[in-house]
Structure formats: structure tokens, C-alpha cells
PDB file of N, CA and C in Angstrom:
ATOM      1  N   MET A   1      -3.454   1.518  -5.099  1.00  0.00           N
ATOM      2  CA  MET A   1      -2.337   1.551  -6.013  1.00  0.00           C
ATOM      3  C   MET A   1      -2.058   3.010  -6.368  1.00  0.00           C
ATOM      4  N   GLN A   2      -0.801   3.377  -6.249  1.00  0.00           N
ATOM      5  CA  GLN A   2      -0.382   4.715  -6.649  1.00  0.00           C
ATOM      6  C   GLN A   2       0.165   4.663  -8.067  1.00  0.00           C
ATOM      7  N   PHE A   3       0.062   5.785  -8.743  1.00  0.00           N
ATOM      8  CA  PHE A   3       0.493   5.861 -10.128  1.00  0.00           C
ATOM      9  C   PHE A   3       1.305   7.131 -10.322  1.00  0.00           C
ATOM     10  N   LYS A   4       2.478   6.996 -10.919  1.00  0.00           N
ATOM     11  CA  LYS A   4       3.339   8.147 -11.199  1.00  0.00           C
ATOM     12  C   LYS A   4       3.779   8.065 -12.657  1.00  0.00           C
ATOM     13  N   ILE A   5       3.639   9.169 -13.376  1.00  0.00           N
ATOM     14  CA  ILE A   5       4.046   9.210 -14.782  1.00  0.00           C
ATOM     15  C   ILE A   5       4.968  10.402 -14.988  1.00  0.00           C
ATOM     16  N   ARG A   6       6.046  10.150 -15.728  1.00  0.00           N
ATOM     17  CA  ARG A   6       7.033  11.198 -16.004  1.00  0.00           C
ATOM     18  C   ARG A   6       7.393  11.160 -17.474  1.00  0.00           C
ATOM     19  N   GLY A   7       7.696  12.319 -18.008  1.00  0.00           N
ATOM     20  CA  GLY A   7       8.177  12.413 -19.375  1.00  0.00           C
ATOM     21  C   GLY A   7       9.641  12.810 -19.360  1.00  0.00           C
ATOM     22  N   ARG A   8      10.453  12.077 -20.054  1.00  0.00           N
ATOM     23  CA  ARG A   8      11.880  12.390 -20.131  1.00  0.00           C
ATOM     24  C   ARG A   8      12.142  13.074 -21.471  1.00  0.00           C
ATOM     25  N   GLY A   9      12.399  14.372 -21.393  1.00  0.00           N
ATOM     26  CA  GLY A   9      12.681  15.116 -22.598  1.00  0.00           C
ATOM     27  C   GLY A   9      11.447  15.550 -23.366  1.00  0.00           C
ATOM     28  N   ILE A  10      10.259  15.273 -22.859  1.00  0.00           N
ATOM     29  CA  ILE A  10       9.022  15.677 -23.528  1.00  0.00           C
ATOM     30  C   ILE A  10       8.035  16.189 -22.486  1.00  0.00           C
ATOM     31  N   THR A  11       7.087  16.972 -22.948  1.00  0.00           N
ATOM     32  CA  THR A  11       5.987  17.368 -22.076  1.00  0.00           C
ATOM     33  C   THR A  11       4.805  16.474 -22.405  1.00  0.00           C
ATOM     34  N   LEU A  12       4.122  16.010 -21.385  1.00  0.00           N
ATOM     35  CA  LEU A  12       3.043  15.051 -21.562  1.00  0.00           C
ATOM     36  C   LEU A  12       1.691  15.757 -21.633  1.00  0.00           C
ATOM     37  N   ALA A  13       0.907  15.417 -22.625  1.00  0.00           N
ATOM     38  CA  ALA A  13      -0.446  15.935 -22.760  1.00  0.00           C
ATOM     39  C   ALA A  13      -1.376  15.162 -21.818  1.00  0.00           C
ATOM     40  N   GLU A  14      -2.502  15.735 -21.501  1.00  0.00           N
ATOM     41  CA  GLU A  14      -3.482  15.079 -20.615  1.00  0.00           C
ATOM     42  C   GLU A  14      -3.984  13.777 -21.224  1.00  0.00           C
ATOM     43  N   GLU A  15      -4.114  13.748 -22.538  1.00  0.00           N
ATOM     44  CA  GLU A  15      -4.586  12.545 -23.219  1.00  0.00           C
ATOM     45  C   GLU A  15      -3.623  11.374 -22.998  1.00  0.00           C
ATOM     46  N   VAL A  16      -2.347  11.648 -23.067  1.00  0.00           N
ATOM     47  CA  VAL A  16      -1.334  10.609 -22.850  1.00  0.00           C
ATOM     48  C   VAL A  16      -1.371  10.150 -21.397  1.00  0.00           C
ATOM     49  N   LYS A  17      -1.507  11.077 -20.471  1.00  0.00           N
ATOM     50  CA  LYS A  17      -1.560  10.721 -19.047  1.00  0.00           C
ATOM     51  C   LYS A  17      -2.765   9.840 -18.747  1.00  0.00           C
ATOM     52  N   ARG A  18      -3.940  10.203 -19.303  1.00  0.00           N
ATOM     53  CA  ARG A  18      -5.152   9.392 -19.081  1.00  0.00           C
ATOM     54  C   ARG A  18      -4.991   7.996 -19.671  1.00  0.00           C
ATOM     55  N   PHE A  19      -4.432   7.914 -20.872  1.00  0.00           N
ATOM     56  CA  PHE A  19      -4.234   6.620 -21.531  1.00  0.00           C
ATOM     57  C   PHE A  19      -3.303   5.733 -20.716  1.00  0.00           C
ATOM     58  N   ALA A  20      -2.214   6.311 -20.229  1.00  0.00           N
ATOM     59  CA  ALA A  20      -1.248   5.550 -19.436  1.00  0.00           C
ATOM     60  C   ALA A  20      -1.870   5.091 -18.121  1.00  0.00           C
ATOM     61  N   GLU A  21      -2.688   5.930 -17.511  1.00  0.00           N
ATOM     62  CA  GLU A  21      -3.313   5.550 -16.249  1.00  0.00           C
ATOM     63  C   GLU A  21      -4.342   4.439 -16.454  1.00  0.00           C
ATOM     64  N   GLU A  22      -5.088   4.472 -17.556  1.00  0.00           N
ATOM     65  CA  GLU A  22      -6.033   3.395 -17.874  1.00  0.00           C
ATOM     66  C   GLU A  22      -5.295   2.067 -18.020  1.00  0.00           C
ATOM     67  N   LYS A  23      -4.175   2.088 -18.739  1.00  0.00           N
ATOM     68  CA  LYS A  23      -3.408   0.862 -18.955  1.00  0.00           C
ATOM     69  C   LYS A  23      -2.822   0.344 -17.643  1.00  0.00           C
ATOM     70  N   ALA A  24      -2.382   1.238 -16.777  1.00  0.00           N
ATOM     71  CA  ALA A  24      -1.814   0.815 -15.493  1.00  0.00           C
ATOM     72  C   ALA A  24      -2.895   0.251 -14.577  1.00  0.00           C
ATOM     73  N   ASN A  25      -4.106   0.787 -14.637  1.00  0.00           N
ATOM     74  CA  ASN A  25      -5.186   0.285 -13.791  1.00  0.00           C
ATOM     75  C   ASN A  25      -5.605  -1.124 -14.169  1.00  0.00           C
ATOM     76  N   LYS A  26      -5.397  -1.522 -15.425  1.00  0.00           N
ATOM     77  CA  LYS A  26      -5.741  -2.883 -15.845  1.00  0.00           C
ATOM     78  C   LYS A  26      -4.815  -3.922 -15.221  1.00  0.00           C
ATOM     79  N   LEU A  27      -3.670  -3.487 -14.712  1.00  0.00           N
ATOM     80  CA  LEU A  27      -2.736  -4.424 -14.088  1.00  0.00           C
ATOM     81  C   LEU A  27      -3.238  -4.899 -12.727  1.00  0.00           C
ATOM     82  N   ALA A  28      -4.187  -4.198 -12.145  1.00  0.00           N
ATOM     83  CA  ALA A  28      -4.709  -4.561 -10.829  1.00  0.00           C
ATOM     84  C   ALA A  28      -5.605  -5.794 -10.881  1.00  0.00           C
ATOM     85  N   ASN A  29      -5.937  -6.288 -12.066  1.00  0.00           N
ATOM     86  CA  ASN A  29      -6.839  -7.436 -12.208  1.00  0.00           C
ATOM     87  C   ASN A  29      -6.184  -8.771 -11.881  1.00  0.00           C
ATOM     88  N   PHE A  30      -4.906  -8.787 -11.568  1.00  0.00           N
ATOM     89  CA  PHE A  30      -4.198 -10.042 -11.360  1.00  0.00           C
ATOM     90  C   PHE A  30      -4.217 -10.519  -9.917  1.00  0.00           C
ATOM     91  N   GLY A  31      -4.778  -9.764  -9.017  1.00  0.00           N
ATOM     92  CA  GLY A  31      -4.861 -10.177  -7.622  1.00  0.00           C
ATOM     93  C   GLY A  31      -3.561 -10.011  -6.858  1.00  0.00           C
ATOM     94  N   ILE A  32      -2.565  -9.395  -7.451  1.00  0.00           N
ATOM     95  CA  ILE A  32      -1.310  -9.124  -6.771  1.00  0.00           C
ATOM     96  C   ILE A  32      -1.378  -7.703  -6.235  1.00  0.00           C
ATOM     97  N   ASP A  33      -0.916  -7.520  -5.012  1.00  0.00           N
ATOM     98  CA  ASP A  33      -0.966  -6.208  -4.382  1.00  0.00           C
ATOM     99  C   ASP A  33       0.096  -5.295  -5.002  1.00  0.00           C
ATOM    100  N   ILE A  34      -0.334  -4.405  -5.882  1.00  0.00           N
ATOM    101  CA  ILE A  34       0.573  -3.471  -6.545  1.00  0.00           C
ATOM    102  C   ILE A  34       0.607  -2.189  -5.722  1.00  0.00           C
ATOM    103  N   LEU A  35       1.791  -1.827  -5.256  1.00  0.00           N
ATOM    104  CA  LEU A  35       1.936  -0.633  -4.436  1.00  0.00           C
ATOM    105  C   LEU A  35       2.093   0.627  -5.280  1.00  0.00           C
ATOM    106  N   LEU A  36       2.916   0.549  -6.331  1.00  0.00           N
ATOM    107  CA  LEU A  36       3.218   1.729  -7.136  1.00  0.00           C
ATOM    108  C   LEU A  36       3.520   1.318  -8.564  1.00  0.00           C
ATOM    109  N   VAL A  37       3.016   2.089  -9.513  1.00  0.00           N
ATOM    110  CA  VAL A  37       3.387   1.942 -10.920  1.00  0.00           C
ATOM    111  C   VAL A  37       4.043   3.255 -11.336  1.00  0.00           C
ATOM    112  N   ASP A  38       5.329   3.184 -11.646  1.00  0.00           N
ATOM    113  CA  ASP A  38       6.096   4.355 -12.060  1.00  0.00           C
ATOM    114  C   ASP A  38       6.385   4.210 -13.552  1.00  0.00           C
ATOM    115  N   MET A  39       5.863   5.137 -14.354  1.00  0.00           N
ATOM    116  CA  MET A  39       6.025   5.048 -15.798  1.00  0.00           C
ATOM    117  C   MET A  39       6.857   6.222 -16.297  1.00  0.00           C
ATOM    118  N   VAL A  40       7.873   5.909 -17.100  1.00  0.00           N
ATOM    119  CA  VAL A  40       8.734   6.924 -17.707  1.00  0.00           C
ATOM    120  C   VAL A  40       8.556   6.827 -19.213  1.00  0.00           C
ATOM    121  N   LEU A  41       8.183   7.951 -19.833  1.00  0.00           N
ATOM    122  CA  LEU A  41       7.959   8.002 -21.273  1.00  0.00           C
ATOM    123  C   LEU A  41       8.992   8.916 -21.915  1.00  0.00           C
ATOM    124  N   GLU A  42       9.521   8.484 -23.066  1.00  0.00           N
ATOM    125  CA  GLU A  42      10.501   9.312 -23.762  1.00  0.00           C
ATOM    126  C   GLU A  42      10.396   9.080 -25.266  1.00  0.00           C
ATOM    127  N   GLU A  43      10.797  10.091 -26.010  1.00  0.00           N
ATOM    128  CA  GLU A  43      10.838  10.005 -27.466  1.00  0.00           C
ATOM    129  C   GLU A  43      12.259  10.294 -27.938  1.00  0.00           C
ATOM    130  N   ASP A  44      12.706   9.534 -28.920  1.00  0.00           N
ATOM    131  CA  ASP A  44      14.024   9.743 -29.508  1.00  0.00           C
ATOM    132  C   ASP A  44      13.874   9.634 -31.016  1.00  0.00           C
ATOM    133  N   HIS A  45      13.854  10.756 -31.689  1.00  0.00           N
ATOM    134  CA  HIS A  45      13.635  10.760 -33.133  1.00  0.00           C
ATOM    135  C   HIS A  45      14.888  10.415 -33.917  1.00  0.00           C
ATOM    136  N   ASN A  46      16.008  10.209 -33.240  1.00  0.00           N
ATOM    137  CA  ASN A  46      17.230   9.817 -33.927  1.00  0.00           C
ATOM    138  C   ASN A  46      17.263   8.318 -34.199  1.00  0.00           C
ATOM    139  N   LYS A  47      16.387   7.573 -33.533  1.00  0.00           N
ATOM    140  CA  LYS A  47      16.319   6.126 -33.755  1.00  0.00           C
ATOM    141  C   LYS A  47      15.481   5.837 -34.996  1.00  0.00           C
ATOM    142  N   THR A  48      15.322   4.563 -35.294  1.00  0.00           N
ATOM    143  CA  THR A  48      14.491   4.183 -36.435  1.00  0.00           C
ATOM    144  C   THR A  48      13.049   4.562 -36.181  1.00  0.00           C
ATOM    145  N   GLU A  49      12.266   4.587 -37.220  1.00  0.00           N
ATOM    146  CA  GLU A  49      10.874   5.015 -37.115  1.00  0.00           C
ATOM    147  C   GLU A  49      10.058   4.089 -36.215  1.00  0.00           C
ATOM    148  N   ASP A  50      10.368   2.798 -36.211  1.00  0.00           N
ATOM    149  CA  ASP A  50       9.619   1.837 -35.407  1.00  0.00           C
ATOM    150  C   ASP A  50       9.909   1.965 -33.916  1.00  0.00           C
ATOM    151  N   LYS A  51      11.024   2.576 -33.557  1.00  0.00           N
ATOM    152  CA  LYS A  51      11.414   2.677 -32.155  1.00  0.00           C
ATOM    153  C   LYS A  51      11.604   4.132 -31.727  1.00  0.00           C
ATOM    154  N   ALA A  52      10.739   5.001 -32.206  1.00  0.00           N
ATOM    155  CA  ALA A  52      10.872   6.426 -31.911  1.00  0.00           C
ATOM    156  C   ALA A  52      10.420   6.764 -30.493  1.00  0.00           C
ATOM    157  N   ALA A  53       9.564   5.937 -29.891  1.00  0.00           N
ATOM    158  CA  ALA A  53       9.057   6.208 -28.545  1.00  0.00           C
ATOM    159  C   ALA A  53       9.337   5.010 -27.648  1.00  0.00           C
ATOM    160  N   ARG A  54       9.562   5.287 -26.360  1.00  0.00           N
ATOM    161  CA  ARG A  54       9.848   4.223 -25.398  1.00  0.00           C
ATOM    162  C   ARG A  54       9.057   4.481 -24.117  1.00  0.00           C
ATOM    163  N   ALA A  55       8.497   3.400 -23.573  1.00  0.00           N
ATOM    164  CA  ALA A  55       7.790   3.468 -22.298  1.00  0.00           C
ATOM    165  C   ALA A  55       8.414   2.437 -21.368  1.00  0.00           C
ATOM    166  N   LYS A  56       8.671   2.851 -20.154  1.00  0.00           N
ATOM    167  CA  LYS A  56       9.276   1.955 -19.168  1.00  0.00           C
ATOM    168  C   LYS A  56       8.399   1.980 -17.918  1.00  0.00           C
ATOM    169  N   MET A  57       7.932   0.806 -17.498  1.00  0.00           N
ATOM    170  CA  MET A  57       7.086   0.690 -16.313  1.00  0.00           C
ATOM    171  C   MET A  57       7.864  -0.010 -15.211  1.00  0.00           C
ATOM    172  N   LEU A  58       7.919   0.595 -14.044  1.00  0.00           N
ATOM    173  CA  LEU A  58       8.488  -0.033 -12.862  1.00  0.00           C
ATOM    174  C   LEU A  58       7.324  -0.318 -11.924  1.00  0.00           C
ATOM    175  N   ILE A  59       7.069  -1.587 -11.660  1.00  0.00           N
ATOM    176  CA  ILE A  59       5.921  -1.990 -10.855  1.00  0.00           C
ATOM    177  C   ILE A  59       6.438  -2.471  -9.517  1.00  0.00           C
ATOM    178  N   ASP A  60       6.060  -1.771  -8.475  1.00  0.00           N
ATOM    179  CA  ASP A  60       6.505  -2.076  -7.118  1.00  0.00           C
ATOM    180  C   ASP A  60       5.476  -2.983  -6.455  1.00  0.00           C
ATOM    181  N   ILE A  61       5.869  -4.233  -6.218  1.00  0.00           N
ATOM    182  CA  ILE A  61       5.014  -5.217  -5.562  1.00  0.00           C
ATOM    183  C   ILE A  61       5.806  -5.861  -4.434  1.00  0.00           C
ATOM    184  N   PRO A  62       5.121  -6.473  -3.477  1.00  0.00           N
ATOM    185  CA  PRO A  62       5.861  -7.163  -2.423  1.00  0.00           C
ATOM    186  C   PRO A  62       6.743  -8.262  -3.023  1.00  0.00           C
ATOM    187  N   GLY A  63       7.963  -8.308  -2.571  1.00  0.00           N
ATOM    188  CA  GLY A  63       8.914  -9.268  -3.132  1.00  0.00           C
ATOM    189  C   GLY A  63       9.741  -8.603  -4.214  1.00  0.00           C
ATOM    190  N   LYS A  64       9.925  -9.290  -5.314  1.00  0.00           N
ATOM    191  CA  LYS A  64      10.742  -8.776  -6.406  1.00  0.00           C
ATOM    192  C   LYS A  64       9.914  -7.860  -7.308  1.00  0.00           C
ATOM    193  N   ASN A  65      10.428  -6.662  -7.571  1.00  0.00           N
ATOM    194  CA  ASN A  65       9.734  -5.701  -8.416  1.00  0.00           C
ATOM    195  C   ASN A  65       9.818  -6.118  -9.881  1.00  0.00           C
ATOM    196  N   ILE A  66       8.922  -5.576 -10.685  1.00  0.00           N
ATOM    197  CA  ILE A  66       8.839  -5.921 -12.103  1.00  0.00           C
ATOM    198  C   ILE A  66       9.162  -4.684 -12.929  1.00  0.00           C
ATOM    199  N   GLU A  67       9.947  -4.889 -13.981  1.00  0.00           N
ATOM    200  CA  GLU A  67      10.276  -3.819 -14.914  1.00  0.00           C
ATOM    201  C   GLU A  67       9.858  -4.257 -16.307  1.00  0.00           C
ATOM    202  N   ALA A  68       9.022  -3.446 -16.954  1.00  0.00           N
ATOM    203  CA  ALA A  68       8.529  -3.762 -18.292  1.00  0.00           C
ATOM    204  C   ALA A  68       8.792  -2.576 -19.206  1.00  0.00           C
ATOM    205  N   THR A  69       9.299  -2.861 -20.395  1.00  0.00           N
ATOM    206  CA  THR A  69       9.570  -1.796 -21.360  1.00  0.00           C
ATOM    207  C   THR A  69       8.860  -2.097 -22.672  1.00  0.00           C
ATOM    208  N   GLY A  70       8.614  -1.045 -23.425  1.00  0.00           N
ATOM    209  CA  GLY A  70       7.995  -1.185 -24.734  1.00  0.00           C
ATOM    210  C   GLY A  70       8.464  -0.074 -25.641  1.00  0.00           C
ATOM    211  N   GLU A  71       8.645  -0.401 -26.918  1.00  0.00           N
ATOM    212  CA  GLU A  71       9.052   0.592 -27.914  1.00  0.00           C
ATOM    213  C   GLU A  71       8.070   0.554 -29.065  1.00  0.00           C
ATOM    214  N   GLY A  72       7.826   1.714 -29.674  1.00  0.00           N
ATOM    215  CA  GLY A  72       6.896   1.779 -30.793  1.00  0.00           C
ATOM    216  C   GLY A  72       7.044   3.070 -31.570  1.00  0.00           C
ATOM    217  N   LYS A  73       6.193   3.207 -32.594  1.00  0.00           N
ATOM    218  CA  LYS A  73       6.223   4.408 -33.424  1.00  0.00           C
ATOM    219  C   LYS A  73       5.734   5.622 -32.657  1.00  0.00           C
ATOM    220  N   THR A  74       4.720   5.424 -31.821  1.00  0.00           N
ATOM    221  CA  THR A  74       4.155   6.525 -31.039  1.00  0.00           C
ATOM    222  C   THR A  74       4.226   6.184 -29.558  1.00  0.00           C
ATOM    223  N   ILE A  75       3.949   7.166 -28.726  1.00  0.00           N
ATOM    224  CA  ILE A  75       3.926   6.945 -27.278  1.00  0.00           C
ATOM    225  C   ILE A  75       2.847   5.924 -26.924  1.00  0.00           C
ATOM    226  N   PHE A  76       1.706   6.002 -27.604  1.00  0.00           N
ATOM    227  CA  PHE A  76       0.595   5.096 -27.306  1.00  0.00           C
ATOM    228  C   PHE A  76       0.964   3.648 -27.608  1.00  0.00           C
ATOM    229  N   ALA A  77       1.637   3.409 -28.716  1.00  0.00           N
ATOM    230  CA  ALA A  77       2.078   2.058 -29.065  1.00  0.00           C
ATOM    231  C   ALA A  77       3.110   1.550 -28.060  1.00  0.00           C
ATOM    232  N   ALA A  78       3.989   2.419 -27.609  1.00  0.00           N
ATOM    233  CA  ALA A  78       5.000   2.020 -26.626  1.00  0.00           C
ATOM    234  C   ALA A  78       4.352   1.671 -25.296  1.00  0.00           C
ATOM    235  N   ILE A  79       3.336   2.425 -24.885  1.00  0.00           N
ATOM    236  CA  ILE A  79       2.628   2.126 -23.641  1.00  0.00           C
ATOM    237  C   ILE A  79       1.916   0.786 -23.755  1.00  0.00           C
ATOM    238  N   ASN A  80       1.286   0.512 -24.900  1.00  0.00           N
ATOM    239  CA  ASN A  80       0.620  -0.780 -25.109  1.00  0.00           C
ATOM    240  C   ASN A  80       1.594  -1.938 -24.992  1.00  0.00           C
ATOM    241  N   LYS A  81       2.763  -1.810 -25.609  1.00  0.00           N
ATOM    242  CA  LYS A  81       3.746  -2.892 -25.549  1.00  0.00           C
ATOM    243  C   LYS A  81       4.296  -3.080 -24.143  1.00  0.00           C
ATOM    244  N   ALA A  82       4.495  -1.990 -23.427  1.00  0.00           N
ATOM    245  CA  ALA A  82       4.962  -2.100 -22.044  1.00  0.00           C
ATOM    246  C   ALA A  82       3.903  -2.778 -21.176  1.00  0.00           C
ATOM    247  N   GLN A  83       2.637  -2.455 -21.415  1.00  0.00           N
ATOM    248  CA  GLN A  83       1.568  -3.094 -20.648  1.00  0.00           C
ATOM    249  C   GLN A  83       1.499  -4.589 -20.957  1.00  0.00           C
ATOM    250  N   GLU A  84       1.623  -4.979 -22.215  1.00  0.00           N
ATOM    251  CA  GLU A  84       1.623  -6.397 -22.583  1.00  0.00           C
ATOM    252  C   GLU A  84       2.765  -7.134 -21.882  1.00  0.00           C
ATOM    253  N   ASN A  85       3.932  -6.514 -21.859  1.00  0.00           N
ATOM    254  CA  ASN A  85       5.091  -7.104 -21.195  1.00  0.00           C
ATOM    255  C   ASN A  85       4.831  -7.250 -19.694  1.00  0.00           C
ATOM    256  N   ALA A  86       4.236  -6.244 -19.086  1.00  0.00           N
ATOM    257  CA  ALA A  86       3.939  -6.291 -17.652  1.00  0.00           C
ATOM    258  C   ALA A  86       2.888  -7.359 -17.344  1.00  0.00           C
ATOM    259  N   ILE A  87       1.876  -7.481 -18.198  1.00  0.00           N
ATOM    260  CA  ILE A  87       0.848  -8.505 -18.002  1.00  0.00           C
ATOM    261  C   ILE A  87       1.460  -9.893 -18.065  1.00  0.00           C
ATOM    262  N   ARG A  88       2.353 -10.103 -19.016  1.00  0.00           N
ATOM    263  CA  ARG A  88       3.006 -11.411 -19.141  1.00  0.00           C
ATOM    264  C   ARG A  88       3.801 -11.730 -17.880  1.00  0.00           C
ATOM    265  N   GLN A  89       4.558 -10.748 -17.379  1.00  0.00           N
ATOM    266  CA  GLN A  89       5.365 -10.981 -16.183  1.00  0.00           C
ATOM    267  C   GLN A  89       4.508 -11.193 -14.943  1.00  0.00           C
ATOM    268  N   LEU A  90       3.414 -10.443 -14.820  1.00  0.00           N
ATOM    269  CA  LEU A  90       2.532 -10.607 -13.660  1.00  0.00           C
ATOM    270  C   LEU A  90       1.825 -11.968 -13.686  1.00  0.00           C
ATOM    271  N   SER A  91       1.426 -12.437 -14.874  1.00  0.00           N
ATOM    272  CA  SER A  91       0.778 -13.746 -14.947  1.00  0.00           C
ATOM    273  C   SER A  91       1.766 -14.868 -14.634  1.00  0.00           C
ATOM    274  N   GLU A  92       3.022 -14.719 -15.074  1.00  0.00           N
ATOM    275  CA  GLU A  92       4.041 -15.716 -14.722  1.00  0.00           C
ATOM    276  C   GLU A  92       4.275 -15.741 -13.210  1.00  0.00           C
ATOM    277  N   ARG A  93       4.303 -14.576 -12.607  1.00  0.00           N
ATOM    278  CA  ARG A  93       4.490 -14.491 -11.154  1.00  0.00           C
ATOM    279  C   ARG A  93       3.301 -15.109 -10.422  1.00  0.00           C
ATOM    280  N   ASN A  94       2.104 -14.871 -10.932  1.00  0.00           N
ATOM    281  CA  ASN A  94       0.905 -15.450 -10.336  1.00  0.00           C
ATOM    282  C   ASN A  94       0.953 -16.975 -10.392  1.00  0.00           C
ATOM    283  N   LYS A  95       1.368 -17.531 -11.535  1.00  0.00           N
ATOM    284  CA  LYS A  95       1.464 -18.982 -11.679  1.00  0.00           C
ATOM    285  C   LYS A  95       2.495 -19.554 -10.720  1.00  0.00           C
ATOM    286  N   LYS A  96       3.610 -18.850 -10.551  1.00  0.00           N
ATOM    287  CA  LYS A  96       4.663 -19.317  -9.662  1.00  0.00           C
ATOM    288  C   LYS A  96       4.166 -19.346  -8.216  1.00  0.00           C
ATOM    289  N   ILE A  97       3.431 -18.307  -7.811  1.00  0.00           N
ATOM    290  CA  ILE A  97       2.900 -18.240  -6.448  1.00  0.00           C
ATOM    291  C   ILE A  97       1.890 -19.349  -6.223  1.00  0.00           C
ATOM    292  N   GLU A  98       1.009 -19.610  -7.214  1.00  0.00           N
ATOM    293  CA  GLU A  98       0.009 -20.664  -7.087  1.00  0.00           C
ATOM    294  C   GLU A  98       0.664 -22.037  -6.977  1.00  0.00           C
ATOM    295  N   SER A  99       1.693 -22.288  -7.770  1.00  0.00           N
ATOM    296  CA  SER A  99       2.339 -23.606  -7.726  1.00  0.00           C
ATOM    297  C   SER A  99       3.032 -23.818  -6.384  1.00  0.00           C
ATOM    298  N   LYS A 100       3.618 -22.771  -5.813  1.00  0.00           N
ATOM    299  CA  LYS A 100       4.260 -22.915  -4.510  1.00  0.00           C
ATOM    300  C   LYS A 100       3.229 -23.184  -3.424  1.00  0.00           C
ATOM    301  N   SER A 101       2.081 -22.507  -3.481  1.00  0.00           N
ATOM    302  CA  SER A 101       1.069 -22.719  -2.449  1.00  0.00           C
ATOM    303  C   SER A 101       0.487 -24.120  -2.557  1.00  0.00           C
ATOM    304  N   ARG A 102       0.341 -24.650  -3.766  1.00  0.00           N
ATOM    305  CA  ARG A 102      -0.140 -26.026  -3.930  1.00  0.00           C
ATOM    306  C   ARG A 102       0.866 -27.013  -3.358  1.00  0.00           C
ATOM    307  N   PHE A 103       2.151 -26.757  -3.577  1.00  0.00           N
ATOM    308  CA  PHE A 103       3.187 -27.640  -3.061  1.00  0.00           C
ATOM    309  C   PHE A 103       3.161 -27.668  -1.535  1.00  0.00           C
ATOM    310  N   VAL A 104       3.020 -26.508  -0.917  1.00  0.00           N
ATOM    311  CA  VAL A 104       2.988 -26.428   0.540  1.00  0.00           C
ATOM    312  C   VAL A 104       1.763 -27.148   1.075  1.00  0.00           C
ATOM    313  N   LYS A 105       0.620 -26.993   0.447  1.00  0.00           N
ATOM    314  CA  LYS A 105      -0.594 -27.689   0.880  1.00  0.00           C
ATOM    315  C   LYS A 105      -0.419 -29.198   0.761  1.00  0.00           C
ATOM    316  N   GLY A 106       0.216 -29.640  -0.311  1.00  0.00           N
ATOM    317  CA  GLY A 106       0.460 -31.069  -0.497  1.00  0.00           C
ATOM    318  C   GLY A 106       1.371 -31.628   0.583  1.00  0.00           C
ATOM    319  N   LYS A 107       2.403 -30.867   0.948  1.00  0.00           N
ATOM    320  CA  LYS A 107       3.304 -31.311   2.016  1.00  0.00           C
ATOM    321  C   LYS A 107       2.556 -31.424   3.333  1.00  0.00           C
ATOM    322  N   GLN A 108       1.662 -30.488   3.618  1.00  0.00           N
ATOM    323  CA  GLN A 108       0.905 -30.531   4.864  1.00  0.00           C
ATOM    324  C   GLN A 108      -0.003 -31.749   4.909  1.00  0.00           C
ATOM    325  N   ILE A 109      -0.624 -32.088   3.792  1.00  0.00           N
ATOM    326  CA  ILE A 109      -1.499 -33.265   3.740  1.00  0.00           C
ATOM    327  C   ILE A 109      -0.695 -34.533   3.960  1.00  0.00           C
ATOM    328  N   ILE A 110       0.472 -34.629   3.334  1.00  0.00           N
ATOM    329  CA  ILE A 110       1.314 -35.816   3.492  1.00  0.00           C
ATOM    330  C   ILE A 110       1.787 -35.943   4.941  1.00  0.00           C
ATOM    331  N   ARG A 111       2.145 -34.858   5.573  1.00  0.00           N
ATOM    332  CA  ARG A 111       2.565 -34.899   6.969  1.00  0.00           C
ATOM    333  C   ARG A 111       1.444 -35.401   7.873  1.00  0.00           C
ATOM    334  N   ARG A 112       0.204 -34.970   7.589  1.00  0.00           N
ATOM    335  CA  ARG A 112      -0.925 -35.427   8.392  1.00  0.00           C
ATOM    336  C   ARG A 112      -1.163 -36.925   8.207  1.00  0.00           C
ATOM    337  N   LEU A 113      -0.961 -37.410   6.976  1.00  0.00           N
ATOM    338  CA  LEU A 113      -1.188 -38.827   6.711  1.00  0.00           C
ATOM    339  C   LEU A 113      -0.198 -39.710   7.438  1.00  0.00           C
ATOM    340  N   PHE A 114       1.060 -39.292   7.498  1.00  0.00           N
ATOM    341  CA  PHE A 114       2.106 -40.127   8.054  1.00  0.00           C
ATOM    342  C   PHE A 114       2.486 -39.734   9.467  1.00  0.00           C
ATOM    343  N   ARG A 115       1.720 -38.891  10.106  1.00  0.00           N
ATOM    344  CA  ARG A 115       2.015 -38.472  11.465  1.00  0.00           C
ATOM    345  C   ARG A 115       1.684 -39.619  12.426  1.00  0.00           C
ATOM    346  N   GLN A 116       2.565 -39.812  13.361  1.00  0.00           N
ATOM    347  CA  GLN A 116       2.328 -40.852  14.367  1.00  0.00           C
ATOM    348  C   GLN A 116       1.842 -40.186  15.635  1.00  0.00           C
ATOM    349  N   ASP A 117       0.669 -40.564  16.081  1.00  0.00           N
ATOM    350  CA  ASP A 117       0.112 -39.980  17.301  1.00  0.00           C
ATOM    351  C   ASP A 117       0.281 -40.896  18.469  1.00  0.00           C
TER     352      ASP A 117
END
């Protein structure tokens, strides 16, 4: 898995980069082949205090890519919310893949039962 982090309008400290990379590495636990995690971090102090920072994760996986965003008071809170959003989407995708594979297996069993030799 490759990881890319960018700051839009801000310079990123090493602490923020390490924190973001730790959170992105936890996404690999879902068994889905993640090719790239592209994270864009930005701060906008003109917004309300609760939404001063924004994190956007673009997760490149085979098939349809996933986009997760999070807003918070600090960059760290925004990264946490983006990770929670990404985890939710990856688990939904995992469930969808499992249900399709079960359906295909069921069809194969039924075909074997009713096959005329």
C-alpha cells in the first residue's frame, strides 16, 4: 500500500504525517487490496470553530474508489473522523463482496443438484 499526504495551504509537521500514516495503515486490516491512500489536509480558520480543519482521504482500490472526509477542531480530529468514515465504507464494501460470493456459491450448488447427466 502506498501512502501520499499533502497539505493544502499549510505546512505539515512530522507529527501530523506520522499520525496520518498510522491511521491509514489501520485500513489494511479489512482484507481489501488497497493500492493507494491519498490524504489532503487543510485548515480554514474562517469557518466555525468545530470545522476549522478538514481531512479528505481518497482510497484507491480495485473497482470503485472510496472517498472519505472528516472535519474537526484540529487536524488530528479531522483525520480521526475521516478514518472512521473510511472504515465504515470499507466494511460495507466487504459485506457486499461477501454476500455476492455467497450468492454465486449457492447458484453453483443448485446447478449441480438439478444438472441432468
